[in-house]
Amino acid sequence: MSRQFTWNMETERHDQHRCQEPEARWANQFRTGFREHVIELVFFQNTSDSEKRIIARIITSPDDAKEFVVNLQETIDRYEKEYGIISNAG
């Protein structure tokens, strides 16, 4: 069952009835892993002096991870429609 959800970052920022927004962090490297019943997403920040810091580790179910991938692809498709194709050079 896919849960459709569209999030407007600007609207969300100004909604005073929400919980405090978590701190935003820049991540430029990603790793994934799995074990039975668990998918792990690890977000890193690799700085210019070759220091690699873990920004966040997200542990989720395989079903929720798959939903995340579908949502991410939809977001990328909308981004590319508005701003142009993203190169795979990264």
PDB file of N, CA and C in Angstrom:
ATOM      1  N   MET A   1       0.840  -1.169   0.000  1.00  0.00           N
ATOM      2  CA  MET A   1       0.000   0.000   0.000  1.00  0.00           C
ATOM      3  C   MET A   1       0.892   1.240   0.000  1.00  0.00           C
ATOM      4  N   SER A   2       0.792   2.040  -1.028  1.00  0.00           N
ATOM      5  CA  SER A   2       1.613   3.236  -1.158  1.00  0.00           C
ATOM      6  C   SER A   2       0.891   4.419  -0.533  1.00  0.00           C
ATOM      7  N   ARG A   3       1.603   5.145   0.307  1.00  0.00           N
ATOM      8  CA  ARG A   3       1.042   6.338   0.922  1.00  0.00           C
ATOM      9  C   ARG A   3       1.526   7.543   0.133  1.00  0.00           C
ATOM     10  N   GLN A   4       0.603   8.230  -0.534  1.00  0.00           N
ATOM     11  CA  GLN A   4       0.958   9.415  -1.302  1.00  0.00           C
ATOM     12  C   GLN A   4       1.062  10.597  -0.350  1.00  0.00           C
ATOM     13  N   PHE A   5       2.133  11.346  -0.480  1.00  0.00           N
ATOM     14  CA  PHE A   5       2.358  12.478   0.396  1.00  0.00           C
ATOM     15  C   PHE A   5       3.205  13.491  -0.350  1.00  0.00           C
ATOM     16  N   THR A   6       2.699  14.695  -0.456  1.00  0.00           N
ATOM     17  CA  THR A   6       3.466  15.765  -1.068  1.00  0.00           C
ATOM     18  C   THR A   6       3.803  16.764   0.017  1.00  0.00           C
ATOM     19  N   TRP A   7       5.074  17.100   0.104  1.00  0.00           N
ATOM     20  CA  TRP A   7       5.538  17.987   1.157  1.00  0.00           C
ATOM     21  C   TRP A   7       6.088  19.244   0.541  1.00  0.00           C
ATOM     22  N   ASN A   8       5.593  20.371   1.005  1.00  0.00           N
ATOM     23  CA  ASN A   8       6.097  21.658   0.571  1.00  0.00           C
ATOM     24  C   ASN A   8       6.986  22.188   1.678  1.00  0.00           C
ATOM     25  N   MET A   9       8.295  22.241   1.433  1.00  0.00           N
ATOM     26  CA  MET A   9       9.240  22.631   2.474  1.00  0.00           C
ATOM     27  C   MET A   9       8.962  24.030   2.994  1.00  0.00           C
ATOM     28  N   GLU A  10       8.599  24.965   2.145  1.00  0.00           N
ATOM     29  CA  GLU A  10       8.356  26.343   2.580  1.00  0.00           C
ATOM     30  C   GLU A  10       7.124  26.420   3.467  1.00  0.00           C
ATOM     31  N   THR A  11       6.042  25.753   3.076  1.00  0.00           N
ATOM     32  CA  THR A  11       4.828  25.752   3.889  1.00  0.00           C
ATOM     33  C   THR A  11       5.096  25.116   5.233  1.00  0.00           C
ATOM     34  N   GLU A  12       5.800  24.010   5.242  1.00  0.00           N
ATOM     35  CA  GLU A  12       6.107  23.290   6.473  1.00  0.00           C
ATOM     36  C   GLU A  12       6.905  24.152   7.437  1.00  0.00           C
ATOM     37  N   ARG A  13       7.860  24.915   6.938  1.00  0.00           N
ATOM     38  CA  ARG A  13       8.694  25.761   7.792  1.00  0.00           C
ATOM     39  C   ARG A  13       7.884  26.776   8.571  1.00  0.00           C
ATOM     40  N   HIS A  14       6.784  27.243   7.973  1.00  0.00           N
ATOM     41  CA  HIS A  14       6.024  28.320   8.584  1.00  0.00           C
ATOM     42  C   HIS A  14       4.794  27.830   9.334  1.00  0.00           C
ATOM     43  N   ASP A  15       4.605  26.539   9.417  1.00  0.00           N
ATOM     44  CA  ASP A  15       3.452  25.980  10.118  1.00  0.00           C
ATOM     45  C   ASP A  15       3.769  25.917  11.606  1.00  0.00           C
ATOM     46  N   GLN A  16       3.152  26.791  12.376  1.00  0.00           N
ATOM     47  CA  GLN A  16       3.453  26.898  13.804  1.00  0.00           C
ATOM     48  C   GLN A  16       2.863  25.753  14.623  1.00  0.00           C
ATOM     49  N   HIS A  17       2.018  24.934  14.030  1.00  0.00           N
ATOM     50  CA  HIS A  17       1.366  23.856  14.770  1.00  0.00           C
ATOM     51  C   HIS A  17       2.133  22.542  14.691  1.00  0.00           C
ATOM     52  N   ARG A  18       3.290  22.546  14.079  1.00  0.00           N
ATOM     53  CA  ARG A  18       4.108  21.350  13.944  1.00  0.00           C
ATOM     54  C   ARG A  18       5.132  21.277  15.068  1.00  0.00           C
ATOM     55  N   CYS A  19       5.708  20.108  15.238  1.00  0.00           N
ATOM     56  CA  CYS A  19       6.824  19.951  16.165  1.00  0.00           C
ATOM     57  C   CYS A  19       8.016  20.728  15.633  1.00  0.00           C
ATOM     58  N   GLN A  20       8.982  20.935  16.501  1.00  0.00           N
ATOM     59  CA  GLN A  20      10.185  21.655  16.090  1.00  0.00           C
ATOM     60  C   GLN A  20      10.861  20.924  14.933  1.00  0.00           C
ATOM     61  N   GLU A  21      11.249  21.681  13.916  1.00  0.00           N
ATOM     62  CA  GLU A  21      11.900  21.103  12.746  1.00  0.00           C
ATOM     63  C   GLU A  21      13.278  20.579  13.137  1.00  0.00           C
ATOM     64  N   PRO A  22      13.622  19.358  12.718  1.00  0.00           N
ATOM     65  CA  PRO A  22      14.963  18.846  13.007  1.00  0.00           C
ATOM     66  C   PRO A  22      16.014  19.646  12.251  1.00  0.00           C
ATOM     67  N   GLU A  23      17.205  19.654  12.777  1.00  0.00           N
ATOM     68  CA  GLU A  23      18.305  20.365  12.139  1.00  0.00           C
ATOM     69  C   GLU A  23      18.597  19.748  10.775  1.00  0.00           C
ATOM     70  N   ALA A  24      18.757  20.603   9.771  1.00  0.00           N
ATOM     71  CA  ALA A  24      19.095  20.131   8.425  1.00  0.00           C
ATOM     72  C   ALA A  24      20.608  19.999   8.324  1.00  0.00           C
ATOM     73  N   ARG A  25      21.065  18.913   7.747  1.00  0.00           N
ATOM     74  CA  ARG A  25      22.491  18.660   7.543  1.00  0.00           C
ATOM     75  C   ARG A  25      22.742  18.342   6.091  1.00  0.00           C
ATOM     76  N   TRP A  26      23.888  18.763   5.579  1.00  0.00           N
ATOM     77  CA  TRP A  26      24.290  18.484   4.210  1.00  0.00           C
ATOM     78  C   TRP A  26      24.971  17.122   4.164  1.00  0.00           C
ATOM     79  N   ALA A  27      24.531  16.261   3.266  1.00  0.00           N
ATOM     80  CA  ALA A  27      25.173  14.956   3.073  1.00  0.00           C
ATOM     81  C   ALA A  27      25.562  14.840   1.613  1.00  0.00           C
ATOM     82  N   ASN A  28      26.788  14.386   1.355  1.00  0.00           N
ATOM     83  CA  ASN A  28      27.233  14.239  -0.022  1.00  0.00           C
ATOM     84  C   ASN A  28      27.754  12.837  -0.332  1.00  0.00           C
ATOM     85  N   GLN A  29      27.612  11.922   0.608  1.00  0.00           N
ATOM     86  CA  GLN A  29      27.909  10.504   0.360  1.00  0.00           C
ATOM     87  C   GLN A  29      26.886   9.670   1.104  1.00  0.00           C
ATOM     88  N   PHE A  30      26.569   8.529   0.541  1.00  0.00           N
ATOM     89  CA  PHE A  30      25.519   7.681   1.089  1.00  0.00           C
ATOM     90  C   PHE A  30      25.947   6.223   1.007  1.00  0.00           C
ATOM     91  N   ARG A  31      25.563   5.455   1.990  1.00  0.00           N
ATOM     92  CA  ARG A  31      25.783   4.009   1.983  1.00  0.00           C
ATOM     93  C   ARG A  31      24.490   3.348   2.445  1.00  0.00           C
ATOM     94  N   THR A  32      24.271   2.158   1.971  1.00  0.00           N
ATOM     95  CA  THR A  32      23.104   1.395   2.390  1.00  0.00           C
ATOM     96  C   THR A  32      23.545  -0.001   2.805  1.00  0.00           C
ATOM     97  N   GLY A  33      22.752  -0.622   3.624  1.00  0.00           N
ATOM     98  CA  GLY A  33      23.030  -1.981   4.050  1.00  0.00           C
ATOM     99  C   GLY A  33      21.740  -2.656   4.482  1.00  0.00           C
ATOM    100  N   PHE A  34      21.832  -3.931   4.778  1.00  0.00           N
ATOM    101  CA  PHE A  34      20.634  -4.640   5.214  1.00  0.00           C
ATOM    102  C   PHE A  34      21.011  -5.854   6.054  1.00  0.00           C
ATOM    103  N   ARG A  35      20.065  -6.270   6.811  1.00  0.00           N
ATOM    104  CA  ARG A  35      20.059  -7.567   7.472  1.00  0.00           C
ATOM    105  C   ARG A  35      18.587  -7.978   7.549  1.00  0.00           C
ATOM    106  N   GLU A  36      18.308  -9.130   8.070  1.00  0.00           N
ATOM    107  CA  GLU A  36      16.928  -9.614   8.048  1.00  0.00           C
ATOM    108  C   GLU A  36      15.985  -8.595   8.684  1.00  0.00           C
ATOM    109  N   HIS A  37      14.948  -8.218   7.949  1.00  0.00           N
ATOM    110  CA  HIS A  37      13.891  -7.307   8.400  1.00  0.00           C
ATOM    111  C   HIS A  37      14.328  -5.849   8.551  1.00  0.00           C
ATOM    112  N   VAL A  38      15.516  -5.496   8.145  1.00  0.00           N
ATOM    113  CA  VAL A  38      16.021  -4.134   8.370  1.00  0.00           C
ATOM    114  C   VAL A  38      16.793  -3.641   7.147  1.00  0.00           C
ATOM    115  N   ILE A  39      16.537  -2.395   6.767  1.00  0.00           N
ATOM    116  CA  ILE A  39      17.340  -1.685   5.769  1.00  0.00           C
ATOM    117  C   ILE A  39      17.966  -0.500   6.498  1.00  0.00           C
ATOM    118  N   GLU A  40      19.248  -0.255   6.223  1.00  0.00           N
ATOM    119  CA  GLU A  40      19.950   0.848   6.864  1.00  0.00           C
ATOM    120  C   GLU A  40      20.427   1.835   5.801  1.00  0.00           C
ATOM    121  N   LEU A  41      20.166   3.114   6.044  1.00  0.00           N
ATOM    122  CA  LEU A  41      20.630   4.197   5.183  1.00  0.00           C
ATOM    123  C   LEU A  41      21.589   5.034   6.015  1.00  0.00           C
ATOM    124  N   VAL A  42      22.800   5.247   5.503  1.00  0.00           N
ATOM    125  CA  VAL A  42      23.804   6.032   6.228  1.00  0.00           C
ATOM    126  C   VAL A  42      24.170   7.225   5.363  1.00  0.00           C
ATOM    127  N   PHE A  43      24.082   8.402   5.950  1.00  0.00           N
ATOM    128  CA  PHE A  43      24.380   9.651   5.258  1.00  0.00           C
ATOM    129  C   PHE A  43      25.677  10.220   5.822  1.00  0.00           C
ATOM    130  N   PHE A  44      26.620  10.538   4.934  1.00  0.00           N
ATOM    131  CA  PHE A  44      27.930  11.060   5.336  1.00  0.00           C
ATOM    132  C   PHE A  44      28.109  12.473   4.798  1.00  0.00           C
ATOM    133  N   GLN A  45      29.010  13.186   5.446  1.00  0.00           N
ATOM    134  CA  GLN A  45      29.500  14.452   4.920  1.00  0.00           C
ATOM    135  C   GLN A  45      30.999  14.287   4.735  1.00  0.00           C
ATOM    136  N   ASN A  46      31.441  14.400   3.494  1.00  0.00           N
ATOM    137  CA  ASN A  46      32.852  14.281   3.179  1.00  0.00           C
ATOM    138  C   ASN A  46      33.369  15.692   2.931  1.00  0.00           C
ATOM    139  N   THR A  47      34.258  16.178   3.805  1.00  0.00           N
ATOM    140  CA  THR A  47      34.741  17.551   3.709  1.00  0.00           C
ATOM    141  C   THR A  47      35.975  17.631   2.824  1.00  0.00           C
ATOM    142  N   SER A  48      36.403  18.839   2.545  1.00  0.00           N
ATOM    143  CA  SER A  48      37.540  19.039   1.644  1.00  0.00           C
ATOM    144  C   SER A  48      38.839  18.481   2.205  1.00  0.00           C
ATOM    145  N   ASP A  49      38.943  18.351   3.516  1.00  0.00           N
ATOM    146  CA  ASP A  49      40.175  17.795   4.100  1.00  0.00           C
ATOM    147  C   ASP A  49      40.078  16.281   4.299  1.00  0.00           C
ATOM    148  N   SER A  50      39.217  15.645   3.522  1.00  0.00           N
ATOM    149  CA  SER A  50      39.046  14.186   3.498  1.00  0.00           C
ATOM    150  C   SER A  50      38.501  13.602   4.800  1.00  0.00           C
ATOM    151  N   GLU A  51      37.956  14.431   5.645  1.00  0.00           N
ATOM    152  CA  GLU A  51      37.299  13.933   6.850  1.00  0.00           C
ATOM    153  C   GLU A  51      35.894  13.475   6.462  1.00  0.00           C
ATOM    154  N   LYS A  52      35.525  12.281   6.880  1.00  0.00           N
ATOM    155  CA  LYS A  52      34.198  11.749   6.600  1.00  0.00           C
ATOM    156  C   LYS A  52      33.455  11.604   7.925  1.00  0.00           C
ATOM    157  N   ARG A  53      32.322  12.309   8.041  1.00  0.00           N
ATOM    158  CA  ARG A  53      31.514  12.240   9.255  1.00  0.00           C
ATOM    159  C   ARG A  53      30.154  11.636   8.936  1.00  0.00           C
ATOM    160  N   ILE A  54      29.678  10.773   9.812  1.00  0.00           N
ATOM    161  CA  ILE A  54      28.324  10.257   9.674  1.00  0.00           C
ATOM    162  C   ILE A  54      27.377  11.354  10.149  1.00  0.00           C
ATOM    163  N   ILE A  55      26.461  11.744   9.286  1.00  0.00           N
ATOM    164  CA  ILE A  55      25.472  12.771   9.596  1.00  0.00           C
ATOM    165  C   ILE A  55      24.241  12.133  10.215  1.00  0.00           C
ATOM    166  N   ALA A  56      23.817  10.995   9.650  1.00  0.00           N
ATOM    167  CA  ALA A  56      22.620  10.315  10.153  1.00  0.00           C
ATOM    168  C   ALA A  56      22.644   8.860   9.731  1.00  0.00           C
ATOM    169  N   ARG A  57      22.089   8.016  10.590  1.00  0.00           N
ATOM    170  CA  ARG A  57      21.838   6.608  10.264  1.00  0.00           C
ATOM    171  C   ARG A  57      20.342   6.394  10.426  1.00  0.00           C
ATOM    172  N   ILE A  58      19.721   5.910   9.381  1.00  0.00           N
ATOM    173  CA  ILE A  58      18.285   5.652   9.402  1.00  0.00           C
ATOM    174  C   ILE A  58      18.093   4.143   9.286  1.00  0.00           C
ATOM    175  N   ILE A  59      17.392   3.588  10.242  1.00  0.00           N
ATOM    176  CA  ILE A  59      17.060   2.161  10.237  1.00  0.00           C
ATOM    177  C   ILE A  59      15.555   2.066   9.969  1.00  0.00           C
ATOM    178  N   THR A  60      15.177   1.257   8.977  1.00  0.00           N
ATOM    179  CA  THR A  60      13.768   1.164   8.617  1.00  0.00           C
ATOM    180  C   THR A  60      13.446  -0.244   8.113  1.00  0.00           C
ATOM    181  N   SER A  61      12.182  -0.500   7.915  1.00  0.00           N
ATOM    182  CA  SER A  61      11.765  -1.802   7.395  1.00  0.00           C
ATOM    183  C   SER A  61      11.975  -1.836   5.884  1.00  0.00           C
ATOM    184  N   PRO A  62      12.090  -3.020   5.306  1.00  0.00           N
ATOM    185  CA  PRO A  62      12.207  -3.115   3.846  1.00  0.00           C
ATOM    186  C   PRO A  62      11.021  -2.471   3.119  1.00  0.00           C
ATOM    187  N   ASP A  63       9.806  -2.649   3.641  1.00  0.00           N
ATOM    188  CA  ASP A  63       8.629  -2.037   3.007  1.00  0.00           C
ATOM    189  C   ASP A  63       8.726  -0.516   3.006  1.00  0.00           C
ATOM    190  N   ASP A  64       9.108   0.059   4.139  1.00  0.00           N
ATOM    191  CA  ASP A  64       9.220   1.515   4.214  1.00  0.00           C
ATOM    192  C   ASP A  64      10.386   2.029   3.380  1.00  0.00           C
ATOM    193  N   ALA A  65      11.478   1.264   3.304  1.00  0.00           N
ATOM    194  CA  ALA A  65      12.615   1.665   2.471  1.00  0.00           C
ATOM    195  C   ALA A  65      12.213   1.685   0.994  1.00  0.00           C
ATOM    196  N   LYS A  66      11.422   0.708   0.589  1.00  0.00           N
ATOM    197  CA  LYS A  66      10.972   0.670  -0.803  1.00  0.00           C
ATOM    198  C   LYS A  66      10.057   1.856  -1.099  1.00  0.00           C
ATOM    199  N   GLU A  67       9.201   2.194  -0.162  1.00  0.00           N
ATOM    200  CA  GLU A  67       8.341   3.370  -0.311  1.00  0.00           C
ATOM    201  C   GLU A  67       9.185   4.640  -0.416  1.00  0.00           C
ATOM    202  N   PHE A  68      10.265   4.711   0.363  1.00  0.00           N
ATOM    203  CA  PHE A  68      11.188   5.839   0.301  1.00  0.00           C
ATOM    204  C   PHE A  68      11.797   5.967  -1.100  1.00  0.00           C
ATOM    205  N   VAL A  69      12.211   4.850  -1.679  1.00  0.00           N
ATOM    206  CA  VAL A  69      12.811   4.857  -3.015  1.00  0.00           C
ATOM    207  C   VAL A  69      11.807   5.358  -4.049  1.00  0.00           C
ATOM    208  N   VAL A  70      10.564   4.905  -3.963  1.00  0.00           N
ATOM    209  CA  VAL A  70       9.524   5.355  -4.894  1.00  0.00           C
ATOM    210  C   VAL A  70       9.317   6.861  -4.740  1.00  0.00           C
ATOM    211  N   ASN A  71       9.223   7.334  -3.497  1.00  0.00           N
ATOM    212  CA  ASN A  71       9.030   8.754  -3.232  1.00  0.00           C
ATOM    213  C   ASN A  71      10.216   9.571  -3.727  1.00  0.00           C
ATOM    214  N   LEU A  72      11.425   9.083  -3.490  1.00  0.00           N
ATOM    215  CA  LEU A  72      12.630   9.772  -3.941  1.00  0.00           C
ATOM    216  C   LEU A  72      12.661   9.869  -5.464  1.00  0.00           C
ATOM    217  N   GLN A  73      12.310   8.783  -6.152  1.00  0.00           N
ATOM    218  CA  GLN A  73      12.296   8.810  -7.617  1.00  0.00           C
ATOM    219  C   GLN A  73      11.275   9.805  -8.138  1.00  0.00           C
ATOM    220  N   GLU A  74      10.100   9.861  -7.513  1.00  0.00           N
ATOM    221  CA  GLU A  74       9.083  10.831  -7.919  1.00  0.00           C
ATOM    222  C   GLU A  74       9.595  12.260  -7.727  1.00  0.00           C
ATOM    223  N   THR A  75      10.304  12.499  -6.643  1.00  0.00           N
ATOM    224  CA  THR A  75      10.865  13.822  -6.374  1.00  0.00           C
ATOM    225  C   THR A  75      11.923  14.181  -7.412  1.00  0.00           C
ATOM    226  N   ILE A  76      12.790  13.235  -7.730  1.00  0.00           N
ATOM    227  CA  ILE A  76      13.824  13.471  -8.745  1.00  0.00           C
ATOM    228  C   ILE A  76      13.179  13.737 -10.109  1.00  0.00           C
ATOM    229  N   ASP A  77      12.140  12.989 -10.448  1.00  0.00           N
ATOM    230  CA  ASP A  77      11.444  13.211 -11.717  1.00  0.00           C
ATOM    231  C   ASP A  77      10.874  14.627 -11.792  1.00  0.00           C
ATOM    232  N   ARG A  78      10.255  15.088 -10.707  1.00  0.00           N
ATOM    233  CA  ARG A  78       9.703  16.446 -10.686  1.00  0.00           C
ATOM    234  C   ARG A  78      10.815  17.485 -10.762  1.00  0.00           C
ATOM    235  N   TYR A  79      11.923  17.239 -10.054  1.00  0.00           N
ATOM    236  CA  TYR A  79      13.077  18.150 -10.084  1.00  0.00           C
ATOM    237  C   TYR A  79      13.607  18.287 -11.511  1.00  0.00           C
ATOM    238  N   GLU A  80      13.800  17.143 -12.175  1.00  0.00           N
ATOM    239  CA  GLU A  80      14.348  17.160 -13.538  1.00  0.00           C
ATOM    240  C   GLU A  80      13.393  17.818 -14.529  1.00  0.00           C
ATOM    241  N   LYS A  81      12.113  17.675 -14.293  1.00  0.00           N
ATOM    242  CA  LYS A  81      11.131  18.327 -15.164  1.00  0.00           C
ATOM    243  C   LYS A  81      11.257  19.846 -15.042  1.00  0.00           C
ATOM    244  N   GLU A  82      11.527  20.317 -13.847  1.00  0.00           N
ATOM    245  CA  GLU A  82      11.631  21.767 -13.618  1.00  0.00           C
ATOM    246  C   GLU A  82      13.014  22.325 -13.928  1.00  0.00           C
ATOM    247  N   TYR A  83      14.082  21.601 -13.585  1.00  0.00           N
ATOM    248  CA  TYR A  83      15.448  22.143 -13.673  1.00  0.00           C
ATOM    249  C   TYR A  83      16.350  21.462 -14.697  1.00  0.00           C
ATOM    250  N   GLY A  84      15.910  20.371 -15.285  1.00  0.00           N
ATOM    251  CA  GLY A  84      16.737  19.662 -16.253  1.00  0.00           C
ATOM    252  C   GLY A  84      17.308  18.371 -15.688  1.00  0.00           C
ATOM    253  N   ILE A  85      17.772  17.532 -16.585  1.00  0.00           N
ATOM    254  CA  ILE A  85      18.285  16.201 -16.234  1.00  0.00           C
ATOM    255  C   ILE A  85      19.521  16.317 -15.352  1.00  0.00           C
ATOM    256  N   ILE A  86      19.562  15.505 -14.318  1.00  0.00           N
ATOM    257  CA  ILE A  86      20.698  15.429 -13.411  1.00  0.00           C
ATOM    258  C   ILE A  86      21.726  14.482 -14.032  1.00  0.00           C
ATOM    259  N   SER A  87      22.964  14.921 -14.125  1.00  0.00           N
ATOM    260  CA  SER A  87      24.006  14.041 -14.674  1.00  0.00           C
ATOM    261  C   SER A  87      24.387  12.996 -13.629  1.00  0.00           C
ATOM    262  N   ASN A  88      24.896  11.882 -14.078  1.00  0.00           N
ATOM    263  CA  ASN A  88      25.343  10.825 -13.173  1.00  0.00           C
ATOM    264  C   ASN A  88      26.823  10.939 -12.868  1.00  0.00           C
ATOM    265  N   ALA A  89      27.386  12.123 -13.026  1.00  0.00           N
ATOM    266  CA  ALA A  89      28.828  12.323 -12.843  1.00  0.00           C
ATOM    267  C   ALA A  89      29.252  12.286 -11.387  1.00  0.00           C
ATOM    268  N   GLY A  90      28.298  12.433 -10.439  1.00  0.00           N
ATOM    269  CA  GLY A  90      28.632  12.524  -9.027  1.00  0.00           C
ATOM    270  C   GLY A  90      29.101  11.251  -8.473  1.00  0.00           C
TER     271      GLY A  90
END
